Amino acid sequence: MKNTKNDLLLQAKIYRFMTLLFVLLGGLIFLILYLNNIEGRLLEAMKEPQTILFILIPFAPAFVLSLITKSKEKKYLAFKEPPAETDKKS
């Protein structure tokens, strides 16, 4: 894709949608891992290092996509359109 202002905006919106999708999927994966492994014994489970992984890993793709989205939105806001060419014939 070209890096025009509209393309950057479209990319940012697509990445934002994908981020939300991955957050929802991460929540679902976390819920499955929680119910299968922790089962309500959260204080005991916090002593195990794998519990931190159960919390962080499902949301890692959403975090990365969020960073990409932020980058695209910054580029969109800082985008300067090239000056319009005028046809001056001397």
N, C-alpha and C. Protein backbone atom coordinates (compact mmCIF):
# COMPACT_ATOMS: atom_id res chain seq x y z
N MET A 1 0.83 -1.19 0.00
CA MET A 1 0.00 0.00 0.00
C MET A 1 0.86 1.24 0.00
N LYS A 2 0.37 2.26 -0.67
CA LYS A 2 1.05 3.54 -0.62
C LYS A 2 0.84 4.16 0.75
N ASN A 3 1.70 5.05 1.10
CA ASN A 3 1.54 5.72 2.38
C ASN A 3 0.88 7.07 2.20
N THR A 4 -0.32 7.05 1.64
CA THR A 4 -1.09 8.29 1.58
C THR A 4 -1.85 8.43 2.88
N LYS A 5 -2.40 9.60 3.08
CA LYS A 5 -3.11 9.87 4.33
C LYS A 5 -4.29 8.92 4.52
N ASN A 6 -5.04 8.69 3.45
CA ASN A 6 -6.20 7.80 3.55
C ASN A 6 -5.78 6.36 3.81
N ASP A 7 -4.68 5.94 3.19
CA ASP A 7 -4.19 4.58 3.41
C ASP A 7 -3.73 4.38 4.86
N LEU A 8 -3.05 5.38 5.40
CA LEU A 8 -2.62 5.29 6.80
C LEU A 8 -3.82 5.21 7.74
N LEU A 9 -4.85 5.99 7.44
CA LEU A 9 -6.05 5.94 8.27
C LEU A 9 -6.72 4.59 8.18
N LEU A 10 -6.81 4.04 6.98
CA LEU A 10 -7.41 2.72 6.79
C LEU A 10 -6.62 1.64 7.53
N GLN A 11 -5.28 1.69 7.41
CA GLN A 11 -4.44 0.73 8.11
C GLN A 11 -4.63 0.84 9.62
N ALA A 12 -4.69 2.06 10.13
CA ALA A 12 -4.87 2.26 11.57
C ALA A 12 -6.21 1.68 12.03
N LYS A 13 -7.25 1.89 11.25
CA LYS A 13 -8.56 1.35 11.63
C LYS A 13 -8.58 -0.18 11.58
N ILE A 14 -7.94 -0.76 10.58
CA ILE A 14 -7.88 -2.22 10.48
C ILE A 14 -7.11 -2.79 11.66
N TYR A 15 -5.97 -2.18 11.97
CA TYR A 15 -5.18 -2.65 13.11
C TYR A 15 -5.94 -2.48 14.42
N ARG A 16 -6.69 -1.40 14.56
CA ARG A 16 -7.48 -1.19 15.78
C ARG A 16 -8.54 -2.29 15.91
N PHE A 17 -9.21 -2.62 14.81
CA PHE A 17 -10.21 -3.69 14.83
C PHE A 17 -9.56 -5.03 15.19
N MET A 18 -8.40 -5.31 14.58
CA MET A 18 -7.71 -6.57 14.88
C MET A 18 -7.25 -6.60 16.33
N THR A 19 -6.84 -5.46 16.87
CA THR A 19 -6.45 -5.40 18.28
C THR A 19 -7.61 -5.78 19.18
N LEU A 20 -8.77 -5.21 18.91
CA LEU A 20 -9.96 -5.54 19.71
C LEU A 20 -10.33 -7.02 19.59
N LEU A 21 -10.18 -7.56 18.38
CA LEU A 21 -10.46 -8.98 18.18
C LEU A 21 -9.50 -9.84 18.99
N PHE A 22 -8.21 -9.48 18.98
CA PHE A 22 -7.23 -10.25 19.75
C PHE A 22 -7.41 -10.08 21.26
N VAL A 23 -7.90 -8.93 21.69
CA VAL A 23 -8.19 -8.76 23.13
C VAL A 23 -9.32 -9.71 23.54
N LEU A 24 -10.35 -9.79 22.71
CA LEU A 24 -11.46 -10.70 23.02
C LEU A 24 -10.99 -12.16 23.00
N LEU A 25 -10.20 -12.52 22.00
CA LEU A 25 -9.69 -13.89 21.94
C LEU A 25 -8.73 -14.17 23.10
N GLY A 26 -7.92 -13.18 23.46
CA GLY A 26 -7.02 -13.33 24.61
C GLY A 26 -7.80 -13.53 25.90
N GLY A 27 -8.91 -12.80 26.04
CA GLY A 27 -9.75 -12.98 27.22
C GLY A 27 -10.36 -14.37 27.27
N LEU A 28 -10.78 -14.86 26.12
CA LEU A 28 -11.34 -16.22 26.05
C LEU A 28 -10.28 -17.27 26.38
N ILE A 29 -9.09 -17.11 25.82
CA ILE A 29 -8.00 -18.05 26.11
C ILE A 29 -7.63 -17.99 27.59
N PHE A 30 -7.57 -16.78 28.15
CA PHE A 30 -7.26 -16.64 29.57
C PHE A 30 -8.32 -17.34 30.42
N LEU A 31 -9.58 -17.16 30.05
CA LEU A 31 -10.66 -17.80 30.80
C LEU A 31 -10.53 -19.32 30.76
N ILE A 32 -10.22 -19.86 29.60
CA ILE A 32 -10.05 -21.31 29.48
C ILE A 32 -8.88 -21.78 30.33
N LEU A 33 -7.74 -21.08 30.24
CA LEU A 33 -6.57 -21.46 31.04
C LEU A 33 -6.86 -21.32 32.54
N TYR A 34 -7.58 -20.28 32.91
CA TYR A 34 -7.91 -20.06 34.32
C TYR A 34 -8.78 -21.19 34.85
N LEU A 35 -9.82 -21.53 34.09
CA LEU A 35 -10.73 -22.58 34.55
C LEU A 35 -10.07 -23.96 34.57
N ASN A 36 -9.16 -24.21 33.65
CA ASN A 36 -8.51 -25.52 33.60
C ASN A 36 -7.38 -25.67 34.62
N ASN A 37 -6.71 -24.59 34.98
CA ASN A 37 -5.51 -24.72 35.79
C ASN A 37 -5.60 -24.07 37.17
N ILE A 38 -6.30 -22.98 37.30
CA ILE A 38 -6.31 -22.25 38.56
C ILE A 38 -7.54 -22.61 39.40
N GLU A 39 -8.68 -22.65 38.77
CA GLU A 39 -9.93 -23.10 39.39
C GLU A 39 -10.23 -22.45 40.74
N GLY A 40 -10.10 -21.13 40.81
CA GLY A 40 -10.52 -20.42 42.02
C GLY A 40 -9.47 -20.32 43.11
N ARG A 41 -8.36 -20.97 42.97
CA ARG A 41 -7.32 -20.89 43.99
C ARG A 41 -6.27 -19.87 43.55
N LEU A 42 -6.72 -18.65 43.35
CA LEU A 42 -5.89 -17.61 42.77
C LEU A 42 -4.70 -17.25 43.65
N LEU A 43 -4.90 -17.13 44.95
CA LEU A 43 -3.80 -16.75 45.83
C LEU A 43 -2.70 -17.81 45.85
N GLU A 44 -3.07 -19.07 45.84
CA GLU A 44 -2.08 -20.14 45.77
C GLU A 44 -1.39 -20.14 44.41
N ALA A 45 -2.16 -19.90 43.37
CA ALA A 45 -1.62 -19.95 42.01
C ALA A 45 -0.67 -18.79 41.74
N MET A 46 -0.83 -17.67 42.44
CA MET A 46 0.05 -16.53 42.22
C MET A 46 1.49 -16.82 42.64
N LYS A 47 1.69 -17.86 43.42
CA LYS A 47 3.04 -18.25 43.83
C LYS A 47 3.76 -19.03 42.74
N GLU A 48 3.02 -19.49 41.74
CA GLU A 48 3.60 -20.26 40.65
C GLU A 48 3.90 -19.34 39.46
N PRO A 49 5.09 -19.45 38.90
CA PRO A 49 5.45 -18.57 37.78
C PRO A 49 4.58 -18.76 36.53
N GLN A 50 4.05 -19.94 36.33
CA GLN A 50 3.24 -20.17 35.14
C GLN A 50 1.95 -19.36 35.17
N THR A 51 1.50 -18.96 36.34
CA THR A 51 0.29 -18.15 36.44
C THR A 51 0.48 -16.81 35.75
N ILE A 52 1.66 -16.23 35.91
CA ILE A 52 1.94 -14.96 35.24
C ILE A 52 1.88 -15.15 33.73
N LEU A 53 2.38 -16.28 33.25
CA LEU A 53 2.30 -16.57 31.82
C LEU A 53 0.86 -16.73 31.37
N PHE A 54 0.02 -17.35 32.20
CA PHE A 54 -1.39 -17.50 31.87
C PHE A 54 -2.07 -16.15 31.73
N ILE A 55 -1.59 -15.18 32.47
CA ILE A 55 -2.19 -13.85 32.42
C ILE A 55 -1.64 -13.04 31.25
N LEU A 56 -0.35 -13.11 30.99
CA LEU A 56 0.28 -12.24 29.99
C LEU A 56 0.25 -12.77 28.56
N ILE A 57 0.51 -14.05 28.37
CA ILE A 57 0.66 -14.60 27.03
C ILE A 57 -0.59 -14.44 26.15
N PRO A 58 -1.80 -14.68 26.64
CA PRO A 58 -2.95 -14.53 25.74
C PRO A 58 -3.16 -13.11 25.22
N PHE A 59 -2.62 -12.12 25.93
CA PHE A 59 -2.83 -10.74 25.51
C PHE A 59 -1.63 -10.16 24.77
N ALA A 60 -0.58 -10.93 24.57
CA ALA A 60 0.62 -10.44 23.88
C ALA A 60 0.35 -10.00 22.44
N PRO A 61 -0.38 -10.77 21.63
CA PRO A 61 -0.65 -10.30 20.25
C PRO A 61 -1.43 -8.99 20.23
N ALA A 62 -2.37 -8.83 21.14
CA ALA A 62 -3.13 -7.58 21.19
C ALA A 62 -2.23 -6.41 21.56
N PHE A 63 -1.27 -6.65 22.44
CA PHE A 63 -0.34 -5.59 22.83
C PHE A 63 0.52 -5.17 21.65
N VAL A 64 1.03 -6.14 20.90
CA VAL A 64 1.86 -5.83 19.73
C VAL A 64 1.05 -5.08 18.69
N LEU A 65 -0.15 -5.53 18.41
CA LEU A 65 -1.00 -4.83 17.44
C LEU A 65 -1.35 -3.43 17.91
N SER A 66 -1.51 -3.25 19.20
CA SER A 66 -1.78 -1.92 19.74
C SER A 66 -0.61 -0.98 19.48
N LEU A 67 0.62 -1.48 19.61
CA LEU A 67 1.79 -0.66 19.32
C LEU A 67 1.86 -0.30 17.84
N ILE A 68 1.54 -1.25 16.98
CA ILE A 68 1.53 -0.98 15.53
C ILE A 68 0.46 0.05 15.20
N THR A 69 -0.71 -0.08 15.82
CA THR A 69 -1.79 0.87 15.59
C THR A 69 -1.38 2.26 16.01
N LYS A 70 -0.75 2.36 17.16
CA LYS A 70 -0.30 3.67 17.64
C LYS A 70 0.68 4.30 16.66
N SER A 71 1.57 3.49 16.12
CA SER A 71 2.54 3.98 15.15
C SER A 71 1.84 4.50 13.89
N LYS A 72 0.87 3.75 13.39
CA LYS A 72 0.14 4.17 12.18
C LYS A 72 -0.65 5.44 12.44
N GLU A 73 -1.27 5.55 13.62
CA GLU A 73 -2.03 6.75 13.94
C GLU A 73 -1.12 7.97 14.06
N LYS A 74 0.09 7.78 14.62
CA LYS A 74 1.05 8.88 14.69
C LYS A 74 1.46 9.33 13.30
N LYS A 75 1.72 8.37 12.42
CA LYS A 75 2.08 8.70 11.04
C LYS A 75 0.95 9.43 10.35
N TYR A 76 -0.28 9.01 10.61
CA TYR A 76 -1.45 9.64 10.00
C TYR A 76 -1.57 11.09 10.47
N LEU A 77 -1.41 11.31 11.77
CA LEU A 77 -1.54 12.66 12.30
C LEU A 77 -0.39 13.58 11.87
N ALA A 78 0.79 13.00 11.64
CA ALA A 78 1.95 13.80 11.24
C ALA A 78 2.09 13.89 9.72
N PHE A 79 1.19 13.27 9.01
CA PHE A 79 1.30 13.22 7.55
C PHE A 79 1.08 14.59 6.95
N LYS A 80 2.00 14.96 6.08
CA LYS A 80 1.85 16.23 5.35
C LYS A 80 1.67 15.88 3.89
N GLU A 81 0.60 16.35 3.35
CA GLU A 81 0.33 16.08 1.94
C GLU A 81 1.31 16.88 1.09
N PRO A 82 1.75 16.30 -0.01
CA PRO A 82 2.65 17.06 -0.88
C PRO A 82 1.92 18.27 -1.45
N PRO A 83 2.65 19.35 -1.66
CA PRO A 83 1.98 20.55 -2.19
C PRO A 83 1.38 20.27 -3.56
N ALA A 84 0.24 20.89 -3.78
CA ALA A 84 -0.46 20.68 -5.04
C ALA A 84 0.36 21.30 -6.17
N GLU A 85 0.45 20.55 -7.23
CA GLU A 85 1.20 21.05 -8.37
C GLU A 85 0.32 21.98 -9.18
N THR A 86 0.85 23.12 -9.49
CA THR A 86 0.10 24.06 -10.29
C THR A 86 0.71 24.11 -11.69
N ASP A 87 -0.15 24.20 -12.63
CA ASP A 87 0.31 24.26 -14.02
C ASP A 87 0.50 25.71 -14.41
N LYS A 88 1.74 26.16 -14.29
CA LYS A 88 2.06 27.53 -14.72
C LYS A 88 2.89 27.45 -15.98
N LYS A 89 2.32 27.97 -17.00
CA LYS A 89 3.06 28.00 -18.27
C LYS A 89 3.50 29.44 -18.51
N SER A 90 4.77 29.58 -18.66
CA SER A 90 5.30 30.94 -18.89
C SER A 90 5.52 31.19 -20.33
